[in-house]
């Protein structure tokens, strides 16, 4: 399967949410804000353009390390696979669900006519598109500051040389 690998540089827009699944797998999620900057020749200075937001998903050891290392507003570099999803809020059941995008087994709905309700009506589901990154690596952007790395060591049983047994 072909996947879109991306490397994105931005700022943590939310604090990481951390939890473990029922199977005991660590998961952390946060939002990343990426603002495009362009050189404005008229003002002879850099100017901010638009901002894109990504939901970054991390798993297992990376999730635990992100939860312990990333704070709101910090500059980050994120590398992973990009997914663009159409989401829908089911008003009757009051829950969110995925909708397949065009090319994923279902044809996407035609765009609404100008002036038509685009999901805000009382009887219509609310729909939006979200960009998500399944991260393989997350780190601080060292072009904008310094960082102190601390290696996380896995707990290993100690060998008792007298008895030849290991401690738990």
C-alpha atoms as a PDB file:
ATOM      1  CA  UNK A   1       0.000   0.000   0.000  1.00  0.00           C
ATOM      2  CA  UNK A   2       1.266   3.462  -0.848  1.00  0.00           C
ATOM      3  CA  UNK A   3       1.275   5.942   1.987  1.00  0.00           C
ATOM      4  CA  UNK A   4       2.107   9.640   2.046  1.00  0.00           C
ATOM      5  CA  UNK A   5       5.084  10.213   4.337  1.00  0.00           C
ATOM      6  CA  UNK A   6       5.417  13.790   5.566  1.00  0.00           C
ATOM      7  CA  UNK A   7       7.707  15.819   7.777  1.00  0.00           C
ATOM      8  CA  UNK A   8       5.928  18.809   9.308  1.00  0.00           C
ATOM      9  CA  UNK A   9       7.399  21.657  11.371  1.00  0.00           C
ATOM     10  CA  UNK A  10       5.077  23.606  13.658  1.00  0.00           C
ATOM     11  CA  UNK A  11       3.999  24.300  17.235  1.00  0.00           C
ATOM     12  CA  UNK A  12       2.056  22.144  19.682  1.00  0.00           C
ATOM     13  CA  UNK A  13      -1.434  23.688  19.641  1.00  0.00           C
ATOM     14  CA  UNK A  14      -2.714  21.497  22.489  1.00  0.00           C
ATOM     15  CA  UNK A  15      -1.226  19.570  25.362  1.00  0.00           C
ATOM     16  CA  UNK A  16      -0.882  15.852  24.569  1.00  0.00           C
ATOM     17  CA  UNK A  17      -3.787  13.669  25.694  1.00  0.00           C
ATOM     18  CA  UNK A  18      -2.438  10.344  26.986  1.00  0.00           C
ATOM     19  CA  UNK A  19      -4.285   7.087  27.709  1.00  0.00           C
ATOM     20  CA  UNK A  20      -3.927   3.338  27.411  1.00  0.00           C
ATOM     21  CA  UNK A  21      -6.212   1.157  25.326  1.00  0.00           C
ATOM     22  CA  UNK A  22      -8.042  -1.838  26.818  1.00  0.00           C
ATOM     23  CA  UNK A  23      -5.154  -3.963  25.519  1.00  0.00           C
ATOM     24  CA  UNK A  24      -2.629  -1.832  27.445  1.00  0.00           C
ATOM     25  CA  UNK A  25      -1.216   0.041  24.422  1.00  0.00           C
ATOM     26  CA  UNK A  26      -0.125   3.617  25.207  1.00  0.00           C
ATOM     27  CA  UNK A  27      -1.626   6.324  22.968  1.00  0.00           C
ATOM     28  CA  UNK A  28      -0.992  10.080  22.886  1.00  0.00           C
ATOM     29  CA  UNK A  29      -2.681  12.638  20.667  1.00  0.00           C
ATOM     30  CA  UNK A  30      -2.099  16.366  20.199  1.00  0.00           C
ATOM     31  CA  UNK A  31      -2.790  19.088  17.651  1.00  0.00           C
ATOM     32  CA  UNK A  32       0.030  20.686  15.664  1.00  0.00           C
ATOM     33  CA  UNK A  33      -0.300  24.206  14.206  1.00  0.00           C
ATOM     34  CA  UNK A  34       1.747  24.920  11.085  1.00  0.00           C
ATOM     35  CA  UNK A  35       1.852  28.545   9.925  1.00  0.00           C
ATOM     36  CA  UNK A  36       3.185  29.415   6.491  1.00  0.00           C
ATOM     37  CA  UNK A  37       5.541  32.399   6.508  1.00  0.00           C
ATOM     38  CA  UNK A  38       6.345  34.438   3.434  1.00  0.00           C
ATOM     39  CA  UNK A  39       8.760  37.288   2.755  1.00  0.00           C
ATOM     40  CA  UNK A  40       6.845  40.552   2.244  1.00  0.00           C
ATOM     41  CA  UNK A  41       8.966  42.697  -0.079  1.00  0.00           C
ATOM     42  CA  UNK A  42       6.790  45.758   0.513  1.00  0.00           C
ATOM     43  CA  UNK A  43       7.400  45.718   4.280  1.00  0.00           C
ATOM     44  CA  UNK A  44      10.837  44.104   3.972  1.00  0.00           C
ATOM     45  CA  UNK A  45       9.881  41.572   6.663  1.00  0.00           C
ATOM     46  CA  UNK A  46       8.482  38.068   7.163  1.00  0.00           C
ATOM     47  CA  UNK A  47       4.682  37.848   7.355  1.00  0.00           C
ATOM     48  CA  UNK A  48       2.431  35.017   8.529  1.00  0.00           C
ATOM     49  CA  UNK A  49       0.075  33.563   5.926  1.00  0.00           C
ATOM     50  CA  UNK A  50      -2.436  30.791   6.738  1.00  0.00           C
ATOM     51  CA  UNK A  51      -2.259  28.168   9.499  1.00  0.00           C
ATOM     52  CA  UNK A  52      -2.976  24.450   9.004  1.00  0.00           C
ATOM     53  CA  UNK A  53      -3.795  22.156  11.913  1.00  0.00           C
ATOM     54  CA  UNK A  54      -2.944  18.447  12.109  1.00  0.00           C
ATOM     55  CA  UNK A  55      -3.973  15.858  14.689  1.00  0.00           C
ATOM     56  CA  UNK A  56      -0.830  13.896  15.562  1.00  0.00           C
ATOM     57  CA  UNK A  57      -1.246  10.300  16.826  1.00  0.00           C
ATOM     58  CA  UNK A  58       1.576   8.510  18.645  1.00  0.00           C
ATOM     59  CA  UNK A  59       1.678   4.943  19.974  1.00  0.00           C
ATOM     60  CA  UNK A  60       3.544   2.822  22.529  1.00  0.00           C
ATOM     61  CA  UNK A  61       6.921   4.179  23.689  1.00  0.00           C
ATOM     62  CA  UNK A  62       6.681   7.265  21.477  1.00  0.00           C
ATOM     63  CA  UNK A  63       3.309   8.082  23.088  1.00  0.00           C
ATOM     64  CA  UNK A  64       4.738   7.885  26.608  1.00  0.00           C
ATOM     65  CA  UNK A  65       7.754  10.000  25.634  1.00  0.00           C
ATOM     66  CA  UNK A  66       5.577  12.622  23.895  1.00  0.00           C
ATOM     67  CA  UNK A  67       3.313  12.858  26.950  1.00  0.00           C
ATOM     68  CA  UNK A  68       6.364  13.470  29.164  1.00  0.00           C
ATOM     69  CA  UNK A  69       8.196  15.829  26.804  1.00  0.00           C
ATOM     70  CA  UNK A  70       5.804  18.000  24.797  1.00  0.00           C
ATOM     71  CA  UNK A  71       4.122  21.114  26.205  1.00  0.00           C
ATOM     72  CA  UNK A  72       1.699  23.596  24.721  1.00  0.00           C
ATOM     73  CA  UNK A  73       3.326  26.015  22.269  1.00  0.00           C
ATOM     74  CA  UNK A  74       6.635  24.192  21.874  1.00  0.00           C
ATOM     75  CA  UNK A  75       8.195  24.078  18.387  1.00  0.00           C
ATOM     76  CA  UNK A  76       8.182  20.517  17.024  1.00  0.00           C
ATOM     77  CA  UNK A  77       9.215  18.436  14.028  1.00  0.00           C
ATOM     78  CA  UNK A  78       6.841  15.531  13.285  1.00  0.00           C
ATOM     79  CA  UNK A  79       7.536  12.725  10.792  1.00  0.00           C
ATOM     80  CA  UNK A  80       4.908  10.148   9.869  1.00  0.00           C
ATOM     81  CA  UNK A  81       2.153   9.085   7.505  1.00  0.00           C
ATOM     82  CA  UNK A  82      -0.556  11.530   6.447  1.00  0.00           C
ATOM     83  CA  UNK A  83      -4.257  10.597   6.429  1.00  0.00           C
ATOM     84  CA  UNK A  84      -7.039  12.909   5.310  1.00  0.00           C
ATOM     85  CA  UNK A  85     -10.453  11.851   6.604  1.00  0.00           C
ATOM     86  CA  UNK A  86     -13.969  13.091   6.246  1.00  0.00           C
ATOM     87  CA  UNK A  87     -15.673  13.041   9.634  1.00  0.00           C
ATOM     88  CA  UNK A  88     -19.351  13.228  10.476  1.00  0.00           C
ATOM     89  CA  UNK A  89     -21.180  14.046  13.705  1.00  0.00           C
ATOM     90  CA  UNK A  90     -24.341  11.945  13.943  1.00  0.00           C
ATOM     91  CA  UNK A  91     -26.758  14.287  15.722  1.00  0.00           C
ATOM     92  CA  UNK A  92     -29.312  11.574  16.488  1.00  0.00           C
ATOM     93  CA  UNK A  93     -26.783   9.313  18.220  1.00  0.00           C
ATOM     94  CA  UNK A  94     -24.551  12.189  19.377  1.00  0.00           C
ATOM     95  CA  UNK A  95     -21.359  10.547  18.248  1.00  0.00           C
ATOM     96  CA  UNK A  96     -18.624  11.046  15.712  1.00  0.00           C
ATOM     97  CA  UNK A  97     -17.912   8.596  12.901  1.00  0.00           C
ATOM     98  CA  UNK A  98     -15.646   8.271   9.900  1.00  0.00           C
ATOM     99  CA  UNK A  99     -17.000   8.617   6.406  1.00  0.00           C
ATOM    100  CA  UNK A 100     -15.056   7.044   3.548  1.00  0.00           C
ATOM    101  CA  UNK A 101     -13.586   9.569   1.140  1.00  0.00           C
ATOM    102  CA  UNK A 102     -14.071   9.261  -2.585  1.00  0.00           C
ATOM    103  CA  UNK A 103     -11.979   6.341  -3.829  1.00  0.00           C
ATOM    104  CA  UNK A 104     -12.252   4.426  -0.561  1.00  0.00           C
ATOM    105  CA  UNK A 105     -15.240   2.302  -1.540  1.00  0.00           C
ATOM    106  CA  UNK A 106     -17.941   4.964  -1.534  1.00  0.00           C
ATOM    107  CA  UNK A 107     -18.627   7.977  -3.711  1.00  0.00           C
ATOM    108  CA  UNK A 108     -18.403  11.250  -1.834  1.00  0.00           C
ATOM    109  CA  UNK A 109     -21.519  13.393  -1.762  1.00  0.00           C
ATOM    110  CA  UNK A 110     -21.821  16.205  -4.266  1.00  0.00           C
ATOM    111  CA  UNK A 111     -21.036  19.672  -2.904  1.00  0.00           C
ATOM    112  CA  UNK A 112     -23.998  21.625  -1.600  1.00  0.00           C
ATOM    113  CA  UNK A 113     -25.559  24.243  -3.837  1.00  0.00           C
ATOM    114  CA  UNK A 114     -24.674  27.867  -3.066  1.00  0.00           C
ATOM    115  CA  UNK A 115     -26.765  29.055  -0.139  1.00  0.00           C
ATOM    116  CA  UNK A 116     -27.711  25.495   0.862  1.00  0.00           C
ATOM    117  CA  UNK A 117     -27.181  24.175   4.377  1.00  0.00           C
ATOM    118  CA  UNK A 118     -23.763  22.473   4.613  1.00  0.00           C
ATOM    119  CA  UNK A 119     -24.444  20.371   7.663  1.00  0.00           C
ATOM    120  CA  UNK A 120     -25.513  23.017  10.103  1.00  0.00           C
ATOM    121  CA  UNK A 121     -29.249  22.248   9.876  1.00  0.00           C
ATOM    122  CA  UNK A 122     -31.078  20.579  12.742  1.00  0.00           C
ATOM    123  CA  UNK A 123     -31.693  17.360  10.819  1.00  0.00           C
ATOM    124  CA  UNK A 124     -28.444  17.137   8.882  1.00  0.00           C
ATOM    125  CA  UNK A 125     -25.184  15.662  10.165  1.00  0.00           C
ATOM    126  CA  UNK A 126     -22.257  18.014  10.595  1.00  0.00           C
ATOM    127  CA  UNK A 127     -19.348  17.071   8.297  1.00  0.00           C
ATOM    128  CA  UNK A 128     -15.719  18.186   8.155  1.00  0.00           C
ATOM    129  CA  UNK A 129     -12.345  17.071   6.829  1.00  0.00           C
ATOM    130  CA  UNK A 130      -9.417  16.429   9.147  1.00  0.00           C
ATOM    131  CA  UNK A 131      -5.723  15.859   8.462  1.00  0.00           C
ATOM    132  CA  UNK A 132      -4.035  13.346  10.770  1.00  0.00           C
ATOM    133  CA  UNK A 133      -0.429  12.203  11.071  1.00  0.00           C
ATOM    134  CA  UNK A 134       0.485   8.779  12.471  1.00  0.00           C
ATOM    135  CA  UNK A 135       3.852   9.808  13.856  1.00  0.00           C
ATOM    136  CA  UNK A 136       6.971   7.666  13.680  1.00  0.00           C
ATOM    137  CA  UNK A 137       9.139  10.413  15.214  1.00  0.00           C
ATOM    138  CA  UNK A 138       8.486  13.625  17.156  1.00  0.00           C
ATOM    139  CA  UNK A 139      11.163  16.012  18.356  1.00  0.00           C
ATOM    140  CA  UNK A 140      11.792  19.609  19.341  1.00  0.00           C
ATOM    141  CA  UNK A 141      12.755  22.015  16.542  1.00  0.00           C
ATOM    142  CA  UNK A 142      16.290  22.966  17.569  1.00  0.00           C
ATOM    143  CA  UNK A 143      16.422  25.903  15.148  1.00  0.00           C
ATOM    144  CA  UNK A 144      14.205  27.724  17.665  1.00  0.00           C
ATOM    145  CA  UNK A 145      15.686  26.626  20.989  1.00  0.00           C
ATOM    146  CA  UNK A 146      17.645  24.040  22.917  1.00  0.00           C
ATOM    147  CA  UNK A 147      16.596  20.716  24.374  1.00  0.00           C
ATOM    148  CA  UNK A 148      18.053  18.291  26.912  1.00  0.00           C
ATOM    149  CA  UNK A 149      17.718  14.634  25.856  1.00  0.00           C
ATOM    150  CA  UNK A 150      17.212  11.962  28.519  1.00  0.00           C
ATOM    151  CA  UNK A 151      17.349   8.351  27.378  1.00  0.00           C
ATOM    152  CA  UNK A 152      14.556   6.165  28.718  1.00  0.00           C
ATOM    153  CA  UNK A 153      15.893   2.833  29.877  1.00  0.00           C
ATOM    154  CA  UNK A 154      13.812  -0.309  29.878  1.00  0.00           C
ATOM    155  CA  UNK A 155      13.555  -2.023  33.245  1.00  0.00           C
ATOM    156  CA  UNK A 156      15.770  -5.125  33.172  1.00  0.00           C
ATOM    157  CA  UNK A 157      15.983  -7.790  35.852  1.00  0.00           C
ATOM    158  CA  UNK A 158      19.174  -7.701  37.894  1.00  0.00           C
ATOM    159  CA  UNK A 159      21.321 -10.830  38.058  1.00  0.00           C
ATOM    160  CA  UNK A 160      22.249 -11.966  41.551  1.00  0.00           C
ATOM    161  CA  UNK A 161      25.816 -13.262  41.125  1.00  0.00           C
ATOM    162  CA  UNK A 162      25.700 -15.287  44.368  1.00  0.00           C
ATOM    163  CA  UNK A 163      22.578 -17.305  43.587  1.00  0.00           C
ATOM    164  CA  UNK A 164      22.437 -16.970  39.795  1.00  0.00           C
ATOM    165  CA  UNK A 165      18.796 -15.825  39.934  1.00  0.00           C
ATOM    166  CA  UNK A 166      17.255 -12.622  38.618  1.00  0.00           C
ATOM    167  CA  UNK A 167      15.241 -10.132  40.594  1.00  0.00           C
ATOM    168  CA  UNK A 168      11.774  -9.088  39.358  1.00  0.00           C
END
